[in-house]
């Protein structure tokens, strides 16, 4: 792994503060989108059987993202969902206009509860406590300081799991230190592996590549690796459904529940794994066992549905997460006995060797790595590897 890159200045963030319940911009439901009665990823992962063993009760999960919308949805009760902010005030996003779309999608994939009869959608860990920490203004590029501060805030909050659906193309020392501090505190850290289209030639995605982090690739409805799932040989731990699924968006009592069809993104595969981790931790805790982050990672990898070729696969790692086996300790049969699924329609070119990480320009999936040994003190930016396809429109336009 390349050596850390240190910022020229300390992170400039305000202390963590609670977000008002109405702080997020809400959306109007798309009348043309009819949510699946039973979302396919829940069926694929055999969640009904897994929930007989654990539901995530008592497990605290920090979602470090754009913030999460809680009010206006029966899927996100205030008894289990809370929202905080580590970002300085920004003139473009006054209270009531925070862009919480991506964070809400991620949080609901982890811990939403069933609500109403229109769909049986719920999160992988429907009884877990979800703590949203707003560390990103939106899906555009910006400073990494918020993510670093959010990780440290999550440690102070004594969470059990941290979900980071972000991918940066620069290794920054403060970020590495914050992640290591979380792992040392016994917190399981799950991160998106990144999207090929977002990384734009960068060789490594962070924090997914940091030691001890569970890096997650994505599969589609055909049960094969999605062609845009970023390849990092030796770094990817596991994969999960991340394409063609659905999640919930920021909703309001005035307009009703918003359902979002998700195009693709490792952003959406990571929270599925975070939910499975919550189930594992609850079950172990009920048995008087404390699982370390390394033990959780090992069990996930050993119980996964193996990839069709050599393991670990550059994009699938040790295979597709299998919640029931992860909870029961059953190891899958040898890969030679497992029928190989059809190949993905596209295989990206081999990943080049790591570039010199000295340039501090970054993206959270949507920025290209800048190279230049003479560059010093350039702005660090991040962008999320997220599906941009929207299932609705804003209830009120954002101010220019």
Foldseek 3Di string as FASTA:
>chain_A
DADAAAFPDAQDWDPKDFAPLQQEFFFFAFPPDQADQEWVQCVVQVLVVLVVQAQLAPAEEEEEEQWAHQAADPQRDPVQETEMETHDDDPLRDGNYQHCFLSHQLQQLQATQADDRSHRDGHSRPNHRYYYYRQDRYQWKDFCSSVLSSLQVVVVVVGQEYEAQFWKLFRHDSNLVSVVVCLVSQHAYEYEQFWQQQAVQRQGTPPQQRPLHAYEFEDEPLQAGAQGQDFHPPRHQAYGHFAQTKGWGNHRNVNHTYIWGFHGGSSNGRSNVVNLLSRQQVSCVVVVHRDRSVRLSVLQLQAADAALDDAPDRRGHRHHGRSVCSNVVDGDDPSVPPDHRDHHPDHDDDRDPHANNNDQDMERRHDYRDDDPPDDNDGYIYGGRGGPDGSGGGPDDRDD
